C-alpha atoms as a PDB file:
ATOM      1  CA  MET A   1    -130.819  84.258  53.812  1.00  0.00           C
ATOM      2  CA  GLY A   2    -133.276  82.033  51.985  1.00  0.00           C
ATOM      3  CA  LEU A   3    -132.868  80.445  48.620  1.00  0.00           C
ATOM      4  CA  GLU A   4    -133.603  82.980  45.861  1.00  0.00           C
ATOM      5  CA  ILE A   5    -135.064  81.931  42.534  1.00  0.00           C
ATOM      6  CA  ASP A   6    -134.178  84.196  39.623  1.00  0.00           C
ATOM      7  CA  PHE A   7    -134.283  84.063  35.826  1.00  0.00           C
ATOM      8  CA  HIS A   8    -132.008  85.155  32.996  1.00  0.00           C
ATOM      9  CA  ASP A   9    -133.136  87.691  30.395  1.00  0.00           C
ATOM     10  CA  ASN A  10    -134.364  84.845  28.169  1.00  0.00           C
ATOM     11  CA  GLU A  11    -136.495  83.503  31.068  1.00  0.00           C
ATOM     12  CA  ALA A  12    -134.220  80.521  31.687  1.00  0.00           C
ATOM     13  CA  LEU A  13    -133.726  79.610  35.346  1.00  0.00           C
ATOM     14  CA  VAL A  14    -130.629  81.008  37.032  1.00  0.00           C
ATOM     15  CA  TRP A  15    -128.834  78.086  38.618  1.00  0.00           C
ATOM     16  CA  SER A  16    -127.238  79.779  41.607  1.00  0.00           C
ATOM     17  CA  ARG A  17    -124.614  77.918  43.622  1.00  0.00           C
ATOM     18  CA  PRO A  18    -127.030  77.139  46.522  1.00  0.00           C
ATOM     19  CA  LEU A  19    -129.737  75.884  44.147  1.00  0.00           C
ATOM     20  CA  ALA A  20    -127.282  73.697  42.229  1.00  0.00           C
ATOM     21  CA  LEU A  21    -125.885  72.288  45.499  1.00  0.00           C
ATOM     22  CA  ILE A  22    -129.345  71.444  46.844  1.00  0.00           C
ATOM     23  CA  VAL A  23    -130.584  69.756  43.662  1.00  0.00           C
ATOM     24  CA  GLY A  24    -127.227  68.043  43.033  1.00  0.00           C
ATOM     25  CA  ALA A  25    -127.016  66.750  46.615  1.00  0.00           C
ATOM     26  CA  ALA A  26    -130.594  65.440  46.416  1.00  0.00           C
ATOM     27  CA  GLY A  27    -129.746  63.650  43.181  1.00  0.00           C
ATOM     28  CA  ALA A  28    -126.599  62.157  44.697  1.00  0.00           C
ATOM     29  CA  LEU A  29    -128.566  60.900  47.730  1.00  0.00           C
ATOM     30  CA  VAL A  30    -131.134  59.259  45.466  1.00  0.00           C
ATOM     31  CA  ILE A  31    -128.343  57.570  43.507  1.00  0.00           C
ATOM     32  CA  ALA A  32    -126.753  56.334  46.756  1.00  0.00           C
ATOM     33  CA  ALA A  33    -130.098  54.977  47.958  1.00  0.00           C
ATOM     34  CA  ALA A  34    -130.610  53.215  44.626  1.00  0.00           C
ATOM     35  CA  VAL A  35    -127.207  51.534  44.967  1.00  0.00           C
ATOM     36  CA  LEU A  36    -127.719  50.463  48.584  1.00  0.00           C
ATOM     37  CA  VAL A  37    -131.400  49.456  48.430  1.00  0.00           C
ATOM     38  CA  SER A  38    -132.400  47.090  45.649  1.00  0.00           C
ATOM     39  CA  TRP A  39    -136.085  48.092  45.501  1.00  0.00           C
ATOM     40  CA  ALA A  40    -135.079  51.748  45.043  1.00  0.00           C
ATOM     41  CA  ALA A  41    -132.873  51.018  42.028  1.00  0.00           C
ATOM     42  CA  PRO A  42    -135.272  52.558  39.435  1.00  0.00           C
ATOM     43  CA  ALA A  43    -135.112  55.861  41.321  1.00  0.00           C
ATOM     44  CA  GLY A  44    -131.417  56.066  40.510  1.00  0.00           C
ATOM     45  CA  VAL A  45    -132.320  57.271  37.017  1.00  0.00           C
ATOM     46  CA  PHE A  46    -134.131  60.291  38.450  1.00  0.00           C
ATOM     47  CA  GLY A  47    -131.215  60.975  40.767  1.00  0.00           C
ATOM     48  CA  GLY A  48    -128.797  60.880  37.857  1.00  0.00           C
ATOM     49  CA  VAL A  49    -130.968  63.271  35.839  1.00  0.00           C
ATOM     50  CA  ALA A  50    -131.214  65.691  38.782  1.00  0.00           C
ATOM     51  CA  LEU A  51    -127.448  65.647  39.314  1.00  0.00           C
ATOM     52  CA  PHE A  52    -126.747  66.133  35.601  1.00  0.00           C
ATOM     53  CA  VAL A  53    -129.234  69.022  35.283  1.00  0.00           C
ATOM     54  CA  ALA A  54    -127.809  70.736  38.369  1.00  0.00           C
ATOM     55  CA  VAL A  55    -124.211  70.542  37.109  1.00  0.00           C
ATOM     56  CA  ILE A  56    -124.999  71.598  33.527  1.00  0.00           C
ATOM     57  CA  GLY A  57    -127.391  74.300  34.698  1.00  0.00           C
ATOM     58  CA  ARG A  58    -124.814  75.776  37.066  1.00  0.00           C
ATOM     59  CA  ILE A  59    -122.128  75.834  34.360  1.00  0.00           C
ATOM     60  CA  GLY A  60    -124.508  77.465  31.866  1.00  0.00           C
ATOM     61  CA  SER A  61    -125.709  80.105  34.306  1.00  0.00           C
ATOM     62  CA  ALA A  62    -122.195  80.926  35.490  1.00  0.00           C
ATOM     63  CA  LEU A  63    -121.006  81.464  31.909  1.00  0.00           C
ATOM     64  CA  GLU A  64    -124.060  83.544  30.993  1.00  0.00           C
ATOM     65  CA  LEU A  65    -123.694  85.761  34.059  1.00  0.00           C
ATOM     66  CA  ARG A  66    -120.018  86.289  33.275  1.00  0.00           C
ATOM     67  CA  TYR A  67    -120.234  86.883  29.513  1.00  0.00           C
ATOM     68  CA  GLY A  68    -123.847  87.914  28.877  1.00  0.00           C
ATOM     69  CA  HIS A  69    -123.281  91.646  29.302  1.00  0.00           C
ATOM     70  CA  LEU A  70    -119.762  91.972  27.920  1.00  0.00           C
ATOM     71  CA  PRO A  71    -119.323  94.137  24.804  1.00  0.00           C
ATOM     72  CA  ILE A  72    -118.723  92.215  21.606  1.00  0.00           C
ATOM     73  CA  ALA A  73    -115.511  92.676  19.584  1.00  0.00           C
ATOM     74  CA  GLN A  74    -115.682  94.963  16.547  1.00  0.00           C
ATOM     75  CA  PRO A  75    -113.874  94.976  13.194  1.00  0.00           C
ATOM     76  CA  VAL A  76    -111.007  97.460  13.173  1.00  0.00           C
ATOM     77  CA  ALA A  77    -108.504  98.763  10.635  1.00  0.00           C
ATOM     78  CA  VAL A  78    -105.971  96.204   9.427  1.00  0.00           C
ATOM     79  CA  ALA A  79    -102.496  96.535  10.876  1.00  0.00           C
ATOM     80  CA  HIS A  80     -99.751  97.603   8.427  1.00  0.00           C
ATOM     81  CA  HIS A  81     -97.760  94.374   8.806  1.00  0.00           C
ATOM     82  CA  ALA A  82    -100.765  92.177   7.954  1.00  0.00           C
ATOM     83  CA  LYS A  83     -99.888  90.161   4.857  1.00  0.00           C
ATOM     84  CA  ALA A  84    -102.006  87.015   5.074  1.00  0.00           C
ATOM     85  CA  ARG A  85    -103.997  86.132   1.964  1.00  0.00           C
ATOM     86  CA  ARG A  86    -106.480  83.858   3.690  1.00  0.00           C
ATOM     87  CA  ARG A  87    -107.596  82.844   7.150  1.00  0.00           C
ATOM     88  CA  SER A  88    -110.152  80.187   8.088  1.00  0.00           C
ATOM     89  CA  ALA A  89    -111.612  78.621  11.216  1.00  0.00           C
ATOM     90  CA  ARG A  90    -114.107  75.870  11.919  1.00  0.00           C
ATOM     91  CA  ARG A  91    -117.245  76.611  13.877  1.00  0.00           C
ATOM     92  CA  SER A  92    -116.605  75.526  17.430  1.00  0.00           C
ATOM     93  CA  SER A  93    -119.184  73.453  19.270  1.00  0.00           C
ATOM     94  CA  GLY A  94    -119.005  70.514  21.627  1.00  0.00           C
ATOM     95  CA  VAL A  95    -122.436  69.104  20.739  1.00  0.00           C
ATOM     96  CA  PRO A  96    -121.525  67.874  17.224  1.00  0.00           C
ATOM     97  CA  TRP A  97    -118.377  66.237  18.577  1.00  0.00           C
ATOM     98  CA  ALA A  98    -120.417  64.588  21.335  1.00  0.00           C
ATOM     99  CA  THR A  99    -122.766  63.319  18.610  1.00  0.00           C
ATOM    100  CA  VAL A 100    -119.793  61.936  16.674  1.00  0.00           C
ATOM    101  CA  ALA A 101    -118.462  60.233  19.813  1.00  0.00           C
ATOM    102  CA  LEU A 102    -121.858  58.679  20.571  1.00  0.00           C
ATOM    103  CA  GLY A 103    -122.125  57.412  16.992  1.00  0.00           C
ATOM    104  CA  ALA A 104    -118.630  55.927  17.179  1.00  0.00           C
ATOM    105  CA  VAL A 105    -119.573  54.049  20.370  1.00  0.00           C
ATOM    106  CA  VAL A 106    -122.676  52.649  18.655  1.00  0.00           C
ATOM    107  CA  VAL A 107    -120.613  51.549  15.631  1.00  0.00           C
ATOM    108  CA  LEU A 108    -118.040  49.842  17.874  1.00  0.00           C
ATOM    109  CA  ALA A 109    -120.821  48.109  19.795  1.00  0.00           C
ATOM    110  CA  ALA A 110    -122.296  46.876  16.527  1.00  0.00           C
ATOM    111  CA  ALA A 111    -118.892  45.661  15.332  1.00  0.00           C
ATOM    112  CA  GLY A 112    -118.570  43.560  18.478  1.00  0.00           C
ATOM    113  CA  THR A 113    -121.971  41.954  17.965  1.00  0.00           C
ATOM    114  CA  GLU A 114    -122.373  39.202  15.395  1.00  0.00           C
ATOM    115  CA  ASP A 115    -125.809  37.696  15.739  1.00  0.00           C
ATOM    116  CA  GLY A 116    -125.866  36.391  12.160  1.00  0.00           C
ATOM    117  CA  TYR A 117    -129.247  38.007  11.489  1.00  0.00           C
ATOM    118  CA  GLY A 118    -128.111  41.360  10.109  1.00  0.00           C
ATOM    119  CA  LEU A 119    -129.180  43.412  13.136  1.00  0.00           C
ATOM    120  CA  GLU A 120    -125.584  44.567  13.660  1.00  0.00           C
ATOM    121  CA  TYR A 121    -125.641  46.243  10.235  1.00  0.00           C
ATOM    122  CA  PHE A 122    -128.761  48.196  11.162  1.00  0.00           C
ATOM    123  CA  VAL A 123    -127.213  49.293  14.470  1.00  0.00           C
ATOM    124  CA  ALA A 124    -123.974  50.236  12.714  1.00  0.00           C
ATOM    125  CA  ALA A 125    -125.956  52.337  10.229  1.00  0.00           C
ATOM    126  CA  CYS A 126    -127.605  54.199  13.108  1.00  0.00           C
ATOM    127  CA  GLY A 127    -124.182  54.922  14.602  1.00  0.00           C
ATOM    128  CA  LEU A 128    -122.786  56.054  11.254  1.00  0.00           C
ATOM    129  CA  ALA A 129    -125.781  58.349  10.813  1.00  0.00           C
ATOM    130  CA  LEU A 130    -124.915  60.052  14.105  1.00  0.00           C
ATOM    131  CA  VAL A 131    -121.271  60.425  13.036  1.00  0.00           C
ATOM    132  CA  TRP A 132    -122.310  61.817   9.630  1.00  0.00           C
ATOM    133  CA  PHE A 133    -124.751  64.300  11.152  1.00  0.00           C
ATOM    134  CA  GLY A 134    -122.287  65.489  13.814  1.00  0.00           C
ATOM    135  CA  VAL A 135    -119.549  66.101  11.260  1.00  0.00           C
ATOM    136  CA  LEU A 136    -121.952  67.834   8.873  1.00  0.00           C
ATOM    137  CA  VAL A 137    -123.333  70.370  11.361  1.00  0.00           C
ATOM    138  CA  GLY A 138    -120.055  70.808  13.249  1.00  0.00           C
ATOM    139  CA  PRO A 139    -116.582  70.928  11.699  1.00  0.00           C
ATOM    140  CA  VAL A 140    -117.882  71.207   8.128  1.00  0.00           C
ATOM    141  CA  ALA A 141    -119.264  74.655   9.015  1.00  0.00           C
ATOM    142  CA  GLY A 142    -116.938  77.585   9.575  1.00  0.00           C
ATOM    143  CA  TYR A 143    -115.633  80.959   8.438  1.00  0.00           C
ATOM    144  CA  VAL A 144    -113.189  82.018   5.722  1.00  0.00           C
ATOM    145  CA  VAL A 145    -111.672  85.482   5.297  1.00  0.00           C
ATOM    146  CA  THR A 146    -110.130  86.565   1.984  1.00  0.00           C
ATOM    147  CA  PRO A 147    -109.072  90.038   0.798  1.00  0.00           C
ATOM    148  CA  GLN A 148    -112.497  90.540  -0.834  1.00  0.00           C
ATOM    149  CA  HIS A 149    -114.918  88.506   1.325  1.00  0.00           C
ATOM    150  CA  LEU A 150    -115.965  87.121   4.643  1.00  0.00           C
ATOM    151  CA  HIS A 151    -117.413  83.698   3.814  1.00  0.00           C
ATOM    152  CA  ILE A 152    -119.787  82.140   6.349  1.00  0.00           C
ATOM    153  CA  ASP A 153    -120.113  78.400   5.734  1.00  0.00           C
ATOM    154  CA  THR A 154    -123.000  76.373   7.108  1.00  0.00           C
ATOM    155  CA  ALA A 155    -123.456  72.659   6.464  1.00  0.00           C
ATOM    156  CA  LEU A 156    -124.581  73.054   2.842  1.00  0.00           C
ATOM    157  CA  TRP A 157    -124.507  76.792   2.087  1.00  0.00           C
ATOM    158  CA  ARG A 158    -121.934  79.600   1.804  1.00  0.00           C
ATOM    159  CA  VAL A 159    -122.881  83.213   2.523  1.00  0.00           C
ATOM    160  CA  SER A 160    -120.318  85.655   1.093  1.00  0.00           C
ATOM    161  CA  VAL A 161    -120.136  89.170   2.516  1.00  0.00           C
ATOM    162  CA  PRO A 162    -118.008  91.717   0.609  1.00  0.00           C
ATOM    163  CA  ARG A 163    -115.391  93.203   2.938  1.00  0.00           C
ATOM    164  CA  HIS A 164    -116.374  96.782   2.112  1.00  0.00           C
ATOM    165  CA  LEU A 165    -119.909  96.124   3.426  1.00  0.00           C
ATOM    166  CA  ILE A 166    -118.806  94.865   6.859  1.00  0.00           C
ATOM    167  CA  GLY A 167    -119.979  97.232   9.576  1.00  0.00           C
ATOM    168  CA  THR A 168    -120.363  96.136  13.215  1.00  0.00           C
ATOM    169  CA  PHE A 169    -121.095  92.984  15.206  1.00  0.00           C
ATOM    170  CA  GLU A 170    -124.087  92.859  17.550  1.00  0.00           C
ATOM    171  CA  HIS A 171    -125.481  90.337  20.032  1.00  0.00           C
ATOM    172  CA  SER A 172    -128.578  88.617  18.626  1.00  0.00           C
ATOM    173  CA  GLU A 173    -129.886  85.973  21.030  1.00  0.00           C
ATOM    174  CA  LEU A 174    -128.088  82.801  19.892  1.00  0.00           C
ATOM    175  CA  GLU A 175    -126.235  84.406  16.990  1.00  0.00           C
ATOM    176  CA  ILE A 176    -123.969  87.291  16.080  1.00  0.00           C
ATOM    177  CA  ARG A 177    -125.658  89.887  13.902  1.00  0.00           C
ATOM    178  CA  LEU A 178    -123.321  91.449  11.358  1.00  0.00           C
ATOM    179  CA  ARG A 179    -124.740  94.902  10.672  1.00  0.00           C
ATOM    180  CA  LEU A 180    -123.744  95.969   7.161  1.00  0.00           C
ATOM    181  CA  ARG A 181    -122.862  99.490   6.142  1.00  0.00           C
ATOM    182  CA  ASP A 182    -126.035  99.678   4.060  1.00  0.00           C
ATOM    183  CA  ARG A 183    -127.979  98.923   7.312  1.00  0.00           C
ATOM    184  CA  ASP A 184    -128.939  95.434   6.156  1.00  0.00           C
ATOM    185  CA  PHE A 185    -127.688  92.534   8.303  1.00  0.00           C
ATOM    186  CA  VAL A 186    -126.474  88.934   8.254  1.00  0.00           C
ATOM    187  CA  ASP A 187    -126.961  86.584  11.220  1.00  0.00           C
ATOM    188  CA  ILE A 188    -123.947  84.389  11.896  1.00  0.00           C
ATOM    189  CA  ARG A 189    -124.407  81.108  13.719  1.00  0.00           C
ATOM    190  CA  VAL A 190    -121.819  80.672  16.419  1.00  0.00           C
ATOM    191  CA  ASP A 191    -122.832  77.248  17.611  1.00  0.00           C
ATOM    192  CA  SER A 192    -124.498  74.070  16.479  1.00  0.00           C
ATOM    193  CA  PRO A 193    -127.922  74.132  14.797  1.00  0.00           C
ATOM    194  CA  ILE A 194    -128.767  71.265  17.156  1.00  0.00           C
ATOM    195  CA  MET A 195    -128.850  73.746  20.017  1.00  0.00           C
ATOM    196  CA  GLU A 196    -130.624  76.438  18.046  1.00  0.00           C
ATOM    197  CA  HIS A 197    -133.467  74.206  16.905  1.00  0.00           C
ATOM    198  CA  SER A 198    -133.928  72.235  20.114  1.00  0.00           C
ATOM    199  CA  SER A 199    -133.634  74.930  22.773  1.00  0.00           C
ATOM    200  CA  ARG A 200    -136.214  77.397  21.377  1.00  0.00           C
ATOM    201  CA  GLY A 201    -134.061  80.309  22.431  1.00  0.00           C
ATOM    202  CA  TYR A 202    -133.367  79.132  25.962  1.00  0.00           C
ATOM    203  CA  TRP A 203    -129.829  77.933  25.339  1.00  0.00           C
ATOM    204  CA  MET A 204    -127.308  80.448  26.668  1.00  0.00           C
ATOM    205  CA  ASN A 205    -124.183  80.814  24.563  1.00  0.00           C
ATOM    206  CA  ALA A 206    -122.902  84.302  25.423  1.00  0.00           C
ATOM    207  CA  ARG A 207    -119.337  83.035  25.792  1.00  0.00           C
ATOM    208  CA  CYS A 208    -119.517  81.428  22.339  1.00  0.00           C
ATOM    209  CA  ARG A 209    -120.790  84.685  20.804  1.00  0.00           C
ATOM    210  CA  ILE A 210    -117.997  86.685  22.442  1.00  0.00           C
ATOM    211  CA  ARG A 211    -115.272  84.249  21.390  1.00  0.00           C
ATOM    212  CA  THR A 212    -116.569  83.827  17.854  1.00  0.00           C
ATOM    213  CA  ALA A 213    -116.645  87.596  17.345  1.00  0.00           C
ATOM    214  CA  GLU A 214    -113.076  87.840  18.633  1.00  0.00           C
ATOM    215  CA  LYS A 215    -112.018  85.088  16.221  1.00  0.00           C
ATOM    216  CA  LEU A 216    -113.678  86.813  13.255  1.00  0.00           C
ATOM    217  CA  VAL A 217    -112.168  90.178  14.155  1.00  0.00           C
ATOM    218  CA  ARG A 218    -108.721  88.615  14.459  1.00  0.00           C
ATOM    219  CA  MET A 219    -108.984  86.987  11.025  1.00  0.00           C
ATOM    220  CA  LEU A 220    -110.280  90.211   9.440  1.00  0.00           C
ATOM    221  CA  ARG A 221    -107.365  92.094  10.966  1.00  0.00           C
ATOM    222  CA  GLU A 222    -104.803  89.611   9.636  1.00  0.00           C
ATOM    223  CA  VAL A 223    -106.012  89.677   6.008  1.00  0.00           C
ATOM    224  CA  PRO A 224    -105.678  93.097   4.267  1.00  0.00           C
ATOM    225  CA  GLU A 225    -108.803  94.207   2.440  1.00  0.00           C
ATOM    226  CA  GLU A 226    -108.661  94.689  -1.322  1.00  0.00           C
ATOM    227  CA  PRO A 227    -111.261  96.197  -3.687  1.00  0.00           C
ATOM    228  CA  GLY A 228    -113.710  93.622  -5.049  1.00  0.00           C
ATOM    229  CA  THR A 229    -116.400  93.532  -7.713  1.00  0.00           C
ATOM    230  CA  ASP A 230    -119.251  92.200  -5.558  1.00  0.00           C
ATOM    231  CA  THR A 231    -121.657  94.826  -4.284  1.00  0.00           C
ATOM    232  CA  ALA A 232    -124.097  92.632  -2.337  1.00  0.00           C
ATOM    233  CA  VAL A 233    -124.214  89.613  -0.037  1.00  0.00           C
ATOM    234  CA  THR A 234    -124.550  86.356  -1.970  1.00  0.00           C
ATOM    235  CA  ARG A 235    -125.716  82.899  -0.893  1.00  0.00           C
ATOM    236  CA  ARG A 236    -124.589  79.805  -2.787  1.00  0.00           C
ATOM    237  CA  ARG A 237    -124.868  76.087  -2.207  1.00  0.00           C
ATOM    238  CA  ARG A 238    -121.633  74.223  -1.462  1.00  0.00           C
ATOM    239  CA  PRO A 239    -121.765  71.643  -4.284  1.00  0.00           C
ATOM    240  CA  ILE A 240    -118.943  69.328  -3.188  1.00  0.00           C
ATOM    241  CA  VAL A 241    -120.124  69.156   0.420  1.00  0.00           C
ATOM    242  CA  THR A 242    -123.725  68.660  -0.721  1.00  0.00           C
ATOM    243  CA  ALA A 243    -122.763  65.827  -3.077  1.00  0.00           C
ATOM    244  CA  VAL A 244    -120.610  64.066  -0.475  1.00  0.00           C
ATOM    245  CA  ALA A 245    -123.332  64.471   2.175  1.00  0.00           C
ATOM    246  CA  ALA A 246    -125.983  63.049  -0.173  1.00  0.00           C
ATOM    247  CA  LEU A 247    -123.867  60.052  -1.208  1.00  0.00           C
ATOM    248  CA  THR A 248    -122.962  59.331   2.412  1.00  0.00           C
ATOM    249  CA  ALA A 249    -126.603  59.495   3.456  1.00  0.00           C
ATOM    250  CA  VAL A 250    -127.597  57.101   0.676  1.00  0.00           C
ATOM    251  CA  ALA A 251    -124.834  54.641   1.626  1.00  0.00           C
ATOM    252  CA  ILE A 252    -125.795  54.701   5.303  1.00  0.00           C
ATOM    253  CA  ALA A 253    -129.480  54.295   4.465  1.00  0.00           C
ATOM    254  CA  ALA A 254    -128.682  51.323   2.204  1.00  0.00           C
ATOM    255  CA  LEU A 255    -126.665  49.680   4.992  1.00  0.00           C
ATOM    256  CA  GLY A 256    -129.474  50.221   7.489  1.00  0.00           C
ATOM    257  CA  VAL A 257    -132.225  48.980   5.169  1.00  0.00           C
ATOM    258  CA  GLY A 258    -130.136  45.965   4.173  1.00  0.00           C
ATOM    259  CA  GLY A 259    -129.521  45.045   7.795  1.00  0.00           C
ATOM    260  CA  PHE A 260    -133.196  45.474   8.674  1.00  0.00           C
ATOM    261  CA  VAL A 261    -134.252  43.273   5.737  1.00  0.00           C
ATOM    262  CA  LEU A 262    -131.796  40.545   6.743  1.00  0.00           C
ATOM    263  CA  TYR A 263    -133.059  40.702  10.315  1.00  0.00           C
ATOM    264  CA  SER A 264    -136.717  40.554   9.166  1.00  0.00           C
ATOM    265  CA  VAL A 265    -136.238  37.446   7.062  1.00  0.00           C
END
């Protein structure tokens, strides 16, 4: 049986096991050749890219094929013993944490470099910018359930949905769509905006959608609903987070500009 090329519903390539093995093995052979033969060393970069793409592609396709067609969890009636007054969870994504880790490595590298010309301050500022951005779009975002609301926190904004308006959850490409009882809807990000803005819809996060819906349903079940005064979805800026983010950005920019000026003179 020959190698079959197929595509997911969003037109992304399906990385089957045979395809991943062929591309990964080719990449590994190129890397080996680059190590053993000096003139072939530059080709090692291409081998590394091929191996990385094959591994990541296979993992992504396997998860999408497993979770892509599963039904999404739905809000249900609260159990009688539920007595919690509040539940919260951070938005889960590996990309922001990888960004934080990369920034930390850059900062450590800058700390170990003292050239006396200020360049280390500029490099450290670049690393701190990565850390700041990763924290802002990752763990700062999340979900909060109270007796009256489901709050959906992004980096700088809070969307508050009254509990009595919550209807059903639906798949919506990279997001969960919360269909309200008045037939309006709210799209809930389940992963990092980095993926959403860079992948143009080709990133596959079915498992993240399934797990995020389960997490939201669990929190809604654990917090009993109480009558509230709000009758519509509201969107407000998060003032404390916005202020801290702005001050941090200014401080990092000042460090970077100062280091660049020192290096220039």
